[in-house]
Amino acid sequence: MDAKVEKLYSELRNTRQELVEKLMDENSSKLIRPFILDELFDIENTLQKIETGSFGKCEVSGELLPDDILAEVPTLKSLDDCSRLDYYYRKSLYD
């Protein structure tokens, strides 16, 4: 595992722990619980991909996903996900 992937792996494990703790917190909102579970599922899948050596590959085509985007959103699954990210970016109000 190279240094970047190892760092990402460590960050994902920490995030997974935080999410599990949030789920176990009886004071956390029941409304956001499904979102936490979805994120936890995505993180578990990404950790498994790193462990098996398939991290960074499109699940549909097998092509490599862009490293710069994976660094920001490591739970990406496909090239199609990359193209949908533009939907989430907002233009600034001021140029």
Protein backbone atom coordinates (compact mmCIF):
# COMPACT_ATOMS: atom_id res chain seq x y z
CA MET A 1 0.00 0.00 0.00
CA ASP A 2 1.53 3.33 -0.97
CA ALA A 3 1.72 6.25 1.47
CA LYS A 4 -1.30 8.14 0.08
CA VAL A 5 -3.55 5.10 0.19
CA GLU A 6 -2.27 4.16 3.64
CA LYS A 7 -3.10 7.66 4.94
CA LEU A 8 -6.54 7.47 3.33
CA TYR A 9 -7.09 4.02 4.84
CA SER A 10 -6.29 5.39 8.28
CA GLU A 11 -8.62 8.37 7.82
CA LEU A 12 -11.44 6.10 6.66
CA ARG A 13 -10.99 3.84 9.67
CA ASN A 14 -11.18 6.88 11.97
CA THR A 15 -14.29 8.13 10.19
CA ARG A 16 -15.85 4.68 10.47
CA GLN A 17 -15.23 4.73 14.23
CA GLU A 18 -16.80 8.19 14.55
CA LEU A 19 -19.88 7.07 12.64
CA VAL A 20 -20.27 3.94 14.76
CA GLU A 21 -20.02 6.06 17.90
CA LYS A 22 -22.64 8.44 16.52
CA LEU A 23 -24.98 5.51 15.83
CA MET A 24 -24.53 4.24 19.38
CA ASP A 25 -25.25 7.66 20.88
CA GLU A 26 -28.80 7.54 22.17
CA ASN A 27 -29.10 11.31 21.85
CA SER A 28 -28.42 11.38 18.12
CA SER A 29 -31.26 12.22 15.78
CA LYS A 30 -33.23 9.29 14.42
CA LEU A 31 -33.76 11.26 11.21
CA ILE A 32 -30.09 11.27 10.25
CA ARG A 33 -29.49 7.66 11.25
CA PRO A 34 -30.20 6.29 7.73
CA PHE A 35 -27.68 8.75 6.26
CA ILE A 36 -25.06 7.69 8.77
CA LEU A 37 -25.70 4.04 7.94
CA ASP A 38 -25.37 4.74 4.19
CA GLU A 39 -22.07 6.54 4.74
CA LEU A 40 -20.84 3.75 6.99
CA PHE A 41 -21.72 1.19 4.32
CA ASP A 42 -19.79 3.18 1.68
CA ILE A 43 -16.77 3.48 3.96
CA GLU A 44 -16.81 -0.25 4.72
CA ASN A 45 -16.90 -1.01 0.99
CA THR A 46 -14.02 1.39 0.34
CA LEU A 47 -11.92 -0.13 3.12
CA GLN A 48 -12.55 -3.57 1.64
CA LYS A 49 -11.48 -2.34 -1.81
CA ILE A 50 -8.24 -0.98 -0.37
CA GLU A 51 -7.58 -4.29 1.37
CA THR A 52 -8.22 -6.32 -1.79
CA GLY A 53 -6.36 -3.98 -4.13
CA SER A 54 -9.38 -2.87 -6.16
CA PHE A 55 -9.52 0.67 -4.78
CA GLY A 56 -9.56 3.40 -7.42
CA LYS A 57 -11.17 1.34 -10.16
CA CYS A 58 -14.58 1.98 -11.69
CA GLU A 59 -17.01 -0.75 -10.61
CA VAL A 60 -18.66 -0.67 -14.04
CA SER A 61 -15.79 -0.44 -16.53
CA GLY A 62 -12.73 -1.30 -14.47
CA GLU A 63 -11.03 1.92 -15.58
CA LEU A 64 -8.99 3.92 -13.09
CA LEU A 65 -10.78 6.75 -11.32
CA PRO A 66 -9.03 10.15 -11.18
CA ASP A 67 -6.63 10.33 -8.21
CA ASP A 68 -7.44 13.96 -7.45
CA ILE A 69 -11.15 13.20 -7.13
CA LEU A 70 -10.52 10.04 -5.07
CA ALA A 71 -8.45 12.10 -2.66
CA GLU A 72 -11.53 14.27 -2.03
CA VAL A 73 -14.24 11.60 -2.28
CA PRO A 74 -12.67 8.19 -1.65
CA THR A 75 -16.02 6.38 -1.67
CA LEU A 76 -16.58 6.96 -5.40
CA LYS A 77 -17.72 3.83 -7.17
CA SER A 78 -17.73 4.70 -10.86
CA LEU A 79 -16.76 7.19 -13.53
CA ASP A 80 -20.44 8.13 -13.66
CA ASP A 81 -20.19 9.21 -10.01
CA CYS A 82 -17.33 11.54 -11.01
CA SER A 83 -19.48 13.23 -13.64
CA ARG A 84 -22.31 13.75 -11.11
CA LEU A 85 -20.04 15.58 -8.67
CA ASP A 86 -20.56 18.80 -10.61
CA TYR A 87 -24.12 18.74 -9.32
CA TYR A 88 -22.83 19.16 -5.76
CA TYR A 89 -20.37 21.94 -6.48
CA ARG A 90 -21.74 25.43 -6.07
CA LYS A 91 -20.66 28.48 -7.95
CA SER A 92 -19.44 31.28 -5.77
CA LEU A 93 -21.60 34.36 -5.50
CA TYR A 94 -18.60 36.58 -6.06
CA ASP A 95 -16.00 36.22 -8.78
